[in-house]
Amino acid sequence: MSDDYDLGGGPDPASLAASAPEVGVGAGADADREPVFAVGIGPGNPEYLTPRGERAIQEADVVVGFETVVDFVAEAVGADTEVLTCGYRDEAEALAAFADRVADGASGTAVLMGDPNHSGYQFVGRVQAAVDAPVRVIPGVSSLQIAASRARTPMEASTFVTLHKSGPIEADLRRLRADAGERHLLVLPRPFDWMPEDVAADLLDAGAAPSLDALVFERLTHDDESVTRTTLGDLAAADGGGGDSRFSDLSVLVVRAP
């Protein structure tokens, strides 16, 4: 994430997205309004896109999402579907165009990497703020779930945080520090200032044992998927931060409890 682009400006979109439960079919003022869907596309491998998510993409008049995310589901997009792609800098413009199309009666679907419930609530909130329509989340599979399976770390015995977001992360780091060595840790790093090496160093500074098993998974479910098996101490000793991380931005850190 660029230092000169403030993703955290304005009201917190994640808080907006989590401010109230969805209104179900047949209940409430929004029940009869056509919803906009926020679809989790999985870790980027089309085999992990759920049939419900694929249908929402195929049937949409307009699809919006980050260019790299849309590329992963290009084959699922309908032939007549309008596609609006963006990066961080032109996200607001793309969502405004998407909202205009929805206001004109088009059916809309926003696509997000993984499962929106694991790291996508900021984008869900921005979609919700842009459109005058109910937004319904269609969960997907996330790289976090794949990593937990690969590392054999049951979710109920784990502490999960995502650092892959804008804004303060101190509360997330405190949770990791408190639970290191007591529970498994599942971490989505933030490119490129809070990468696996940086998280490991922070945990060591807080008193975590250097001998804890650490695994870094990269590009899960893709042909070039890889895993680095090491210890927390050795991981922290590697150069991290400032763009010097040895790992890609598509990585998940797992620190196993003894």
C-alpha atoms as a PDB file:
ATOM      1  CA  MET A   1       0.000   0.000   0.000  1.00  0.00           C
ATOM      2  CA  SER A   2       1.319   3.364  -0.991  1.00  0.00           C
ATOM      3  CA  ASP A   3       2.260   5.769   1.792  1.00  0.00           C
ATOM      4  CA  ASP A   4       0.700   8.711  -0.062  1.00  0.00           C
ATOM      5  CA  TYR A   5      -2.727   7.154  -0.468  1.00  0.00           C
ATOM      6  CA  ASP A   6      -4.901   7.210   2.651  1.00  0.00           C
ATOM      7  CA  LEU A   7      -7.278   4.278   2.572  1.00  0.00           C
ATOM      8  CA  GLY A   8      -8.391   5.187   6.060  1.00  0.00           C
ATOM      9  CA  GLY A   9      -9.750   8.620   5.228  1.00  0.00           C
ATOM     10  CA  GLY A  10     -13.364   9.381   6.100  1.00  0.00           C
ATOM     11  CA  PRO A  11     -15.837   7.173   7.978  1.00  0.00           C
ATOM     12  CA  ASP A  12     -14.683   3.624   8.655  1.00  0.00           C
ATOM     13  CA  PRO A  13     -16.237   1.480   5.889  1.00  0.00           C
ATOM     14  CA  ALA A  14     -15.717  -1.763   7.819  1.00  0.00           C
ATOM     15  CA  SER A  15     -17.803  -0.405  10.699  1.00  0.00           C
ATOM     16  CA  LEU A  16     -20.522   0.597   8.244  1.00  0.00           C
ATOM     17  CA  ALA A  17     -20.558  -2.886   6.738  1.00  0.00           C
ATOM     18  CA  ALA A  18     -20.873  -4.455  10.196  1.00  0.00           C
ATOM     19  CA  SER A  19     -23.328  -1.910  11.600  1.00  0.00           C
ATOM     20  CA  ALA A  20     -26.473  -4.021  11.170  1.00  0.00           C
ATOM     21  CA  PRO A  21     -27.502  -7.508  10.070  1.00  0.00           C
ATOM     22  CA  GLU A  22     -28.749  -8.135   6.556  1.00  0.00           C
ATOM     23  CA  VAL A  23     -32.491  -7.992   6.008  1.00  0.00           C
ATOM     24  CA  GLY A  24     -33.726 -11.341   4.740  1.00  0.00           C
ATOM     25  CA  VAL A  25     -36.232 -12.035   2.005  1.00  0.00           C
ATOM     26  CA  GLY A  26     -39.762 -11.231   3.111  1.00  0.00           C
ATOM     27  CA  ALA A  27     -38.739  -9.132   6.122  1.00  0.00           C
ATOM     28  CA  GLY A  28     -38.179  -5.422   6.557  1.00  0.00           C
ATOM     29  CA  ALA A  29     -38.236  -2.384   4.303  1.00  0.00           C
ATOM     30  CA  ASP A  30     -35.512  -3.669   1.935  1.00  0.00           C
ATOM     31  CA  ALA A  31     -37.034  -7.099   1.339  1.00  0.00           C
ATOM     32  CA  ASP A  32     -38.594  -6.181  -2.023  1.00  0.00           C
ATOM     33  CA  ARG A  33     -35.611  -4.222  -3.362  1.00  0.00           C
ATOM     34  CA  GLU A  34     -33.123  -5.801  -5.745  1.00  0.00           C
ATOM     35  CA  PRO A  35     -29.916  -6.392  -3.772  1.00  0.00           C
ATOM     36  CA  VAL A  36     -26.344  -5.774  -4.805  1.00  0.00           C
ATOM     37  CA  PHE A  37     -24.170  -8.814  -4.130  1.00  0.00           C
ATOM     38  CA  ALA A  38     -20.697  -8.784  -2.595  1.00  0.00           C
ATOM     39  CA  VAL A  39     -19.105 -12.056  -3.688  1.00  0.00           C
ATOM     40  CA  GLY A  40     -16.050 -13.685  -2.193  1.00  0.00           C
ATOM     41  CA  ILE A  41     -14.240 -15.313  -5.115  1.00  0.00           C
ATOM     42  CA  GLY A  42     -11.960 -17.563  -3.063  1.00  0.00           C
ATOM     43  CA  PRO A  43      -8.152 -17.541  -3.171  1.00  0.00           C
ATOM     44  CA  GLY A  44      -8.028 -16.923  -6.928  1.00  0.00           C
ATOM     45  CA  ASN A  45      -8.295 -20.509  -8.140  1.00  0.00           C
ATOM     46  CA  PRO A  46     -11.620 -20.828 -10.041  1.00  0.00           C
ATOM     47  CA  GLU A  47     -12.220 -24.242  -8.453  1.00  0.00           C
ATOM     48  CA  TYR A  48     -12.767 -22.464  -5.125  1.00  0.00           C
ATOM     49  CA  LEU A  49     -15.455 -20.097  -6.451  1.00  0.00           C
ATOM     50  CA  THR A  50     -18.786 -21.259  -5.032  1.00  0.00           C
ATOM     51  CA  PRO A  51     -21.655 -22.014  -7.447  1.00  0.00           C
ATOM     52  CA  ARG A  52     -23.791 -19.316  -5.772  1.00  0.00           C
ATOM     53  CA  GLY A  53     -21.051 -16.746  -6.191  1.00  0.00           C
ATOM     54  CA  GLU A  54     -20.468 -17.747  -9.804  1.00  0.00           C
ATOM     55  CA  ARG A  55     -24.172 -17.344 -10.570  1.00  0.00           C
ATOM     56  CA  ALA A  56     -24.246 -13.857  -9.040  1.00  0.00           C
ATOM     57  CA  ILE A  57     -21.331 -12.871 -11.278  1.00  0.00           C
ATOM     58  CA  GLN A  58     -22.791 -14.460 -14.418  1.00  0.00           C
ATOM     59  CA  GLU A  59     -26.228 -12.901 -13.993  1.00  0.00           C
ATOM     60  CA  ALA A  60     -25.091  -9.362 -13.134  1.00  0.00           C
ATOM     61  CA  ASP A  61     -25.549  -6.483 -15.554  1.00  0.00           C
ATOM     62  CA  VAL A  62     -22.491  -4.792 -14.048  1.00  0.00           C
ATOM     63  CA  VAL A  63     -19.553  -6.175 -12.056  1.00  0.00           C
ATOM     64  CA  VAL A  64     -17.098  -4.060 -10.061  1.00  0.00           C
ATOM     65  CA  GLY A  65     -13.864  -4.971  -8.323  1.00  0.00           C
ATOM     66  CA  PHE A  66     -10.139  -4.548  -8.206  1.00  0.00           C
ATOM     67  CA  GLU A  67      -8.567  -5.426 -11.548  1.00  0.00           C
ATOM     68  CA  THR A  68      -6.536  -8.302 -10.157  1.00  0.00           C
ATOM     69  CA  VAL A  69      -9.662  -9.794  -8.539  1.00  0.00           C
ATOM     70  CA  VAL A  70     -11.829  -9.451 -11.648  1.00  0.00           C
ATOM     71  CA  ASP A  71      -9.111 -11.128 -13.718  1.00  0.00           C
ATOM     72  CA  PHE A  72      -9.433 -14.280 -11.615  1.00  0.00           C
ATOM     73  CA  VAL A  73     -13.150 -14.643 -12.461  1.00  0.00           C
ATOM     74  CA  ALA A  74     -13.092 -13.335 -16.036  1.00  0.00           C
ATOM     75  CA  GLU A  75     -14.479 -16.601 -17.399  1.00  0.00           C
ATOM     76  CA  ALA A  76     -17.490 -16.378 -15.089  1.00  0.00           C
ATOM     77  CA  VAL A  77     -18.480 -12.885 -16.268  1.00  0.00           C
ATOM     78  CA  GLY A  78     -21.410 -12.843 -18.698  1.00  0.00           C
ATOM     79  CA  ALA A  79     -20.804 -11.854 -22.312  1.00  0.00           C
ATOM     80  CA  ASP A  80     -23.014  -8.775 -22.015  1.00  0.00           C
ATOM     81  CA  THR A  81     -21.891  -7.763 -18.528  1.00  0.00           C
ATOM     82  CA  GLU A  82     -20.277  -4.372 -18.051  1.00  0.00           C
ATOM     83  CA  VAL A  83     -17.058  -4.690 -16.053  1.00  0.00           C
ATOM     84  CA  LEU A  84     -15.714  -1.828 -13.930  1.00  0.00           C
ATOM     85  CA  THR A  85     -12.196  -2.420 -12.617  1.00  0.00           C
ATOM     86  CA  CYS A  86     -10.125  -0.257 -10.342  1.00  0.00           C
ATOM     87  CA  GLY A  87      -7.069   0.049  -8.146  1.00  0.00           C
ATOM     88  CA  TYR A  88      -6.800   1.855  -4.834  1.00  0.00           C
ATOM     89  CA  ARG A  89      -6.484   5.276  -6.461  1.00  0.00           C
ATOM     90  CA  ASP A  90      -9.564   5.098  -8.686  1.00  0.00           C
ATOM     91  CA  GLU A  91     -11.713   2.936  -6.396  1.00  0.00           C
ATOM     92  CA  ALA A  92     -14.091   5.803  -5.571  1.00  0.00           C
ATOM     93  CA  GLU A  93     -14.661   6.613  -9.252  1.00  0.00           C
ATOM     94  CA  ALA A  94     -15.369   2.980 -10.146  1.00  0.00           C
ATOM     95  CA  LEU A  95     -17.832   2.595  -7.273  1.00  0.00           C
ATOM     96  CA  ALA A  96     -19.589   5.842  -8.250  1.00  0.00           C
ATOM     97  CA  ALA A  97     -20.034   4.544 -11.814  1.00  0.00           C
ATOM     98  CA  PHE A  98     -21.247   1.217 -10.403  1.00  0.00           C
ATOM     99  CA  ALA A  99     -23.759   3.005  -8.174  1.00  0.00           C
ATOM    100  CA  ASP A 100     -25.067   5.014 -11.146  1.00  0.00           C
ATOM    101  CA  ARG A 101     -25.679   1.818 -13.111  1.00  0.00           C
ATOM    102  CA  VAL A 102     -27.468   0.237 -10.159  1.00  0.00           C
ATOM    103  CA  ALA A 103     -29.586   3.373  -9.704  1.00  0.00           C
ATOM    104  CA  ASP A 104     -30.597   3.068 -13.370  1.00  0.00           C
ATOM    105  CA  GLY A 105     -31.929  -0.435 -12.700  1.00  0.00           C
ATOM    106  CA  ALA A 106     -28.925  -2.622 -13.486  1.00  0.00           C
ATOM    107  CA  SER A 107     -28.257  -5.686 -11.356  1.00  0.00           C
ATOM    108  CA  GLY A 108     -24.853  -5.330  -9.690  1.00  0.00           C
ATOM    109  CA  THR A 109     -22.220  -7.604  -8.191  1.00  0.00           C
ATOM    110  CA  ALA A 110     -19.015  -6.574  -6.440  1.00  0.00           C
ATOM    111  CA  VAL A 111     -16.227  -9.140  -6.305  1.00  0.00           C
ATOM    112  CA  LEU A 112     -13.702  -9.484  -3.487  1.00  0.00           C
ATOM    113  CA  MET A 113     -10.752 -11.760  -2.932  1.00  0.00           C
ATOM    114  CA  GLY A 114     -11.311 -14.709  -0.601  1.00  0.00           C
ATOM    115  CA  ASP A 115     -14.247 -14.418   1.795  1.00  0.00           C
ATOM    116  CA  PRO A 116     -15.518 -10.878   2.517  1.00  0.00           C
ATOM    117  CA  ASN A 117     -15.990 -11.854   6.172  1.00  0.00           C
ATOM    118  CA  HIS A 118     -12.272 -12.496   6.629  1.00  0.00           C
ATOM    119  CA  SER A 119     -10.666  -9.392   5.168  1.00  0.00           C
ATOM    120  CA  GLY A 120     -13.057  -7.659   2.811  1.00  0.00           C
ATOM    121  CA  TYR A 121     -15.345  -5.644   5.052  1.00  0.00           C
ATOM    122  CA  GLN A 122     -13.707  -2.363   4.097  1.00  0.00           C
ATOM    123  CA  PHE A 123     -14.628  -2.901   0.441  1.00  0.00           C
ATOM    124  CA  VAL A 124     -18.084  -4.192   1.391  1.00  0.00           C
ATOM    125  CA  GLY A 125     -18.576  -0.982   3.368  1.00  0.00           C
ATOM    126  CA  ARG A 126     -17.492   1.171   0.449  1.00  0.00           C
ATOM    127  CA  VAL A 127     -19.922  -0.627  -1.843  1.00  0.00           C
ATOM    128  CA  GLN A 128     -22.671  -0.204   0.757  1.00  0.00           C
ATOM    129  CA  ALA A 129     -21.922   3.515   1.084  1.00  0.00           C
ATOM    130  CA  ALA A 130     -21.963   3.998  -2.698  1.00  0.00           C
ATOM    131  CA  VAL A 131     -25.192   2.250  -3.689  1.00  0.00           C
ATOM    132  CA  ASP A 132     -28.786   3.020  -2.772  1.00  0.00           C
ATOM    133  CA  ALA A 133     -29.678  -0.656  -2.452  1.00  0.00           C
ATOM    134  CA  PRO A 134     -29.363  -3.464   0.078  1.00  0.00           C
ATOM    135  CA  VAL A 135     -26.030  -5.299  -0.071  1.00  0.00           C
ATOM    136  CA  ARG A 136     -25.926  -9.039   0.484  1.00  0.00           C
ATOM    137  CA  VAL A 137     -22.677 -10.899   1.104  1.00  0.00           C
ATOM    138  CA  ILE A 138     -22.096 -14.245  -0.605  1.00  0.00           C
ATOM    139  CA  PRO A 139     -19.300 -15.842   1.412  1.00  0.00           C
ATOM    140  CA  GLY A 140     -16.421 -17.603  -0.278  1.00  0.00           C
ATOM    141  CA  VAL A 141     -13.381 -19.629   0.623  1.00  0.00           C
ATOM    142  CA  SER A 142     -10.391 -17.662   1.870  1.00  0.00           C
ATOM    143  CA  SER A 143      -6.676 -18.347   1.814  1.00  0.00           C
ATOM    144  CA  LEU A 144      -6.973 -18.232   5.598  1.00  0.00           C
ATOM    145  CA  GLN A 145      -9.184 -21.335   5.570  1.00  0.00           C
ATOM    146  CA  ILE A 146      -6.814 -23.115   3.194  1.00  0.00           C
ATOM    147  CA  ALA A 147      -3.823 -22.202   5.386  1.00  0.00           C
ATOM    148  CA  ALA A 148      -5.593 -23.469   8.513  1.00  0.00           C
ATOM    149  CA  SER A 149      -6.203 -26.762   6.741  1.00  0.00           C
ATOM    150  CA  ARG A 150      -2.625 -27.060   5.476  1.00  0.00           C
ATOM    151  CA  ALA A 151      -1.202 -26.231   8.923  1.00  0.00           C
ATOM    152  CA  ARG A 152      -3.763 -28.402  10.775  1.00  0.00           C
ATOM    153  CA  THR A 153      -4.729 -25.564  13.082  1.00  0.00           C
ATOM    154  CA  PRO A 154      -8.438 -25.864  13.995  1.00  0.00           C
ATOM    155  CA  MET A 155     -10.193 -22.537  13.805  1.00  0.00           C
ATOM    156  CA  GLU A 156     -11.732 -22.956  17.261  1.00  0.00           C
ATOM    157  CA  ALA A 157      -8.217 -23.288  18.724  1.00  0.00           C
ATOM    158  CA  SER A 158      -6.841 -20.318  16.797  1.00  0.00           C
ATOM    159  CA  THR A 159      -6.699 -16.547  16.969  1.00  0.00           C
ATOM    160  CA  PHE A 160      -7.177 -14.853  13.611  1.00  0.00           C
ATOM    161  CA  VAL A 161      -6.358 -11.277  12.669  1.00  0.00           C
ATOM    162  CA  THR A 162      -6.145  -9.529   9.351  1.00  0.00           C
ATOM    163  CA  LEU A 163      -3.557  -6.793   9.035  1.00  0.00           C
ATOM    164  CA  HIS A 164      -4.406  -6.447   5.346  1.00  0.00           C
ATOM    165  CA  LYS A 165      -6.453  -3.290   5.814  1.00  0.00           C
ATOM    166  CA  SER A 166      -6.078   0.419   6.176  1.00  0.00           C
ATOM    167  CA  GLY A 167      -6.161   2.219   9.477  1.00  0.00           C
ATOM    168  CA  PRO A 168      -4.883   1.293  12.962  1.00  0.00           C
ATOM    169  CA  ILE A 169      -3.823  -2.295  13.646  1.00  0.00           C
ATOM    170  CA  GLU A 170      -2.544  -1.941  17.224  1.00  0.00           C
ATOM    171  CA  ALA A 171      -5.538  -3.786  18.705  1.00  0.00           C
ATOM    172  CA  ASP A 172      -4.911  -6.673  16.299  1.00  0.00           C
ATOM    173  CA  LEU A 173      -1.251  -6.838  17.271  1.00  0.00           C
ATOM    174  CA  ARG A 174      -2.200  -6.876  20.957  1.00  0.00           C
ATOM    175  CA  ARG A 175      -4.399  -9.910  20.371  1.00  0.00           C
ATOM    176  CA  LEU A 176      -1.541 -11.741  18.676  1.00  0.00           C
ATOM    177  CA  ARG A 177       0.898 -10.860  21.450  1.00  0.00           C
ATOM    178  CA  ALA A 178      -1.503 -12.023  24.140  1.00  0.00           C
ATOM    179  CA  ASP A 179      -2.235 -15.380  22.498  1.00  0.00           C
ATOM    180  CA  ALA A 180       1.190 -16.328  21.084  1.00  0.00           C
ATOM    181  CA  GLY A 181       2.133 -19.734  22.448  1.00  0.00           C
ATOM    182  CA  GLU A 182      -1.336 -20.280  23.933  1.00  0.00           C
ATOM    183  CA  ARG A 183      -3.358 -20.504  20.728  1.00  0.00           C
ATOM    184  CA  HIS A 184      -2.499 -20.989  17.076  1.00  0.00           C
ATOM    185  CA  LEU A 185      -2.147 -17.660  15.249  1.00  0.00           C
ATOM    186  CA  LEU A 186      -3.533 -17.121  11.749  1.00  0.00           C
ATOM    187  CA  VAL A 187      -2.412 -13.827  10.251  1.00  0.00           C
ATOM    188  CA  LEU A 188      -3.081 -12.110   6.946  1.00  0.00           C
ATOM    189  CA  PRO A 189      -0.062  -9.762   6.617  1.00  0.00           C
ATOM    190  CA  ARG A 190      -0.193  -6.233   5.207  1.00  0.00           C
ATOM    191  CA  PRO A 191       1.960  -5.490   2.169  1.00  0.00           C
ATOM    192  CA  PHE A 192       4.530  -4.342   2.699  1.00  0.00           C
ATOM    193  CA  ASP A 193       4.958  -2.774   6.113  1.00  0.00           C
ATOM    194  CA  TRP A 194       3.607  -5.666   8.213  1.00  0.00           C
ATOM    195  CA  MET A 195       4.873  -8.771   6.474  1.00  0.00           C
ATOM    196  CA  PRO A 196       5.522 -12.166   8.169  1.00  0.00           C
ATOM    197  CA  GLU A 197       9.024 -11.176   9.320  1.00  0.00           C
ATOM    198  CA  ASP A 198       7.697  -7.990  10.929  1.00  0.00           C
ATOM    199  CA  VAL A 199       4.931  -9.821  12.766  1.00  0.00           C
ATOM    200  CA  ALA A 200       7.418 -12.430  14.015  1.00  0.00           C
ATOM    201  CA  ALA A 201       9.763  -9.720  15.311  1.00  0.00           C
ATOM    202  CA  ASP A 202       6.902  -7.972  17.099  1.00  0.00           C
ATOM    203  CA  LEU A 203       5.847 -11.228  18.780  1.00  0.00           C
ATOM    204  CA  LEU A 204       9.397 -11.896  19.950  1.00  0.00           C
ATOM    205  CA  ASP A 205       9.630  -8.377  21.390  1.00  0.00           C
ATOM    206  CA  ALA A 206       6.450  -9.155  23.340  1.00  0.00           C
ATOM    207  CA  GLY A 207       7.985 -12.293  24.846  1.00  0.00           C
ATOM    208  CA  ALA A 208       6.898 -15.081  22.487  1.00  0.00           C
ATOM    209  CA  ALA A 209       9.166 -18.133  22.377  1.00  0.00           C
ATOM    210  CA  PRO A 210      11.592 -18.141  19.405  1.00  0.00           C
ATOM    211  CA  SER A 211      11.091 -21.912  19.087  1.00  0.00           C
ATOM    212  CA  LEU A 212       7.422 -21.660  18.076  1.00  0.00           C
ATOM    213  CA  ASP A 213       6.717 -23.269  14.717  1.00  0.00           C
ATOM    214  CA  ALA A 214       6.026 -20.710  11.976  1.00  0.00           C
ATOM    215  CA  LEU A 215       4.711 -21.428   8.496  1.00  0.00           C
ATOM    216  CA  VAL A 216       4.336 -18.913   5.684  1.00  0.00           C
ATOM    217  CA  PHE A 217       2.030 -19.995   2.860  1.00  0.00           C
ATOM    218  CA  GLU A 218       2.190 -18.172  -0.474  1.00  0.00           C
ATOM    219  CA  ARG A 219      -0.235 -18.189  -3.411  1.00  0.00           C
ATOM    220  CA  LEU A 220      -2.375 -20.922  -1.904  1.00  0.00           C
ATOM    221  CA  THR A 221      -4.250 -23.192  -4.374  1.00  0.00           C
ATOM    222  CA  HIS A 222      -2.260 -21.872  -7.340  1.00  0.00           C
ATOM    223  CA  ASP A 223       0.217 -23.893  -9.384  1.00  0.00           C
ATOM    224  CA  ASP A 224       3.129 -22.061  -7.761  1.00  0.00           C
ATOM    225  CA  GLU A 225       1.857 -22.485  -4.194  1.00  0.00           C
ATOM    226  CA  SER A 226       4.697 -22.710  -1.674  1.00  0.00           C
ATOM    227  CA  VAL A 227       5.246 -23.024   2.060  1.00  0.00           C
ATOM    228  CA  THR A 228       8.190 -21.925   4.195  1.00  0.00           C
ATOM    229  CA  ARG A 229       8.522 -23.944   7.422  1.00  0.00           C
ATOM    230  CA  THR A 230      10.675 -22.277  10.058  1.00  0.00           C
ATOM    231  CA  THR A 231      10.634 -21.017  13.646  1.00  0.00           C
ATOM    232  CA  LEU A 232       9.432 -17.700  14.932  1.00  0.00           C
ATOM    233  CA  GLY A 233      13.010 -16.743  15.842  1.00  0.00           C
ATOM    234  CA  ASP A 234      14.440 -17.540  12.415  1.00  0.00           C
ATOM    235  CA  LEU A 235      11.560 -15.791  10.680  1.00  0.00           C
ATOM    236  CA  ALA A 236      12.104 -12.633  12.728  1.00  0.00           C
ATOM    237  CA  ALA A 237      15.830 -12.697  11.913  1.00  0.00           C
ATOM    238  CA  ALA A 238      15.102 -12.295   8.198  1.00  0.00           C
ATOM    239  CA  ASP A 239      14.907  -8.825   6.684  1.00  0.00           C
ATOM    240  CA  GLY A 240      11.358  -7.505   6.640  1.00  0.00           C
ATOM    241  CA  GLY A 241       9.476  -4.276   6.047  1.00  0.00           C
ATOM    242  CA  GLY A 242      10.239  -1.455   3.649  1.00  0.00           C
ATOM    243  CA  GLY A 243       9.594  -3.691   0.658  1.00  0.00           C
ATOM    244  CA  ASP A 244      12.429  -6.036   1.641  1.00  0.00           C
ATOM    245  CA  SER A 245      10.276  -9.006   2.616  1.00  0.00           C
ATOM    246  CA  ARG A 246      11.179 -12.302   0.969  1.00  0.00           C
ATOM    247  CA  PHE A 247       7.487 -13.165   0.761  1.00  0.00           C
ATOM    248  CA  SER A 248       4.819 -12.139  -1.716  1.00  0.00           C
ATOM    249  CA  ASP A 249       1.767 -10.028  -0.945  1.00  0.00           C
ATOM    250  CA  LEU A 250      -0.337 -13.204  -1.289  1.00  0.00           C
ATOM    251  CA  SER A 251       0.878 -14.800   1.923  1.00  0.00           C
ATOM    252  CA  VAL A 252      -0.589 -16.137   5.156  1.00  0.00           C
ATOM    253  CA  LEU A 253       1.370 -16.556   8.375  1.00  0.00           C
ATOM    254  CA  VAL A 254       0.587 -19.388  10.780  1.00  0.00           C
ATOM    255  CA  VAL A 255       2.271 -19.622  14.185  1.00  0.00           C
ATOM    256  CA  ARG A 256       1.472 -22.928  15.847  1.00  0.00           C
ATOM    257  CA  ALA A 257       0.986 -23.255  19.572  1.00  0.00           C
ATOM    258  CA  PRO A 258       2.997 -26.079  21.202  1.00  0.00           C
END
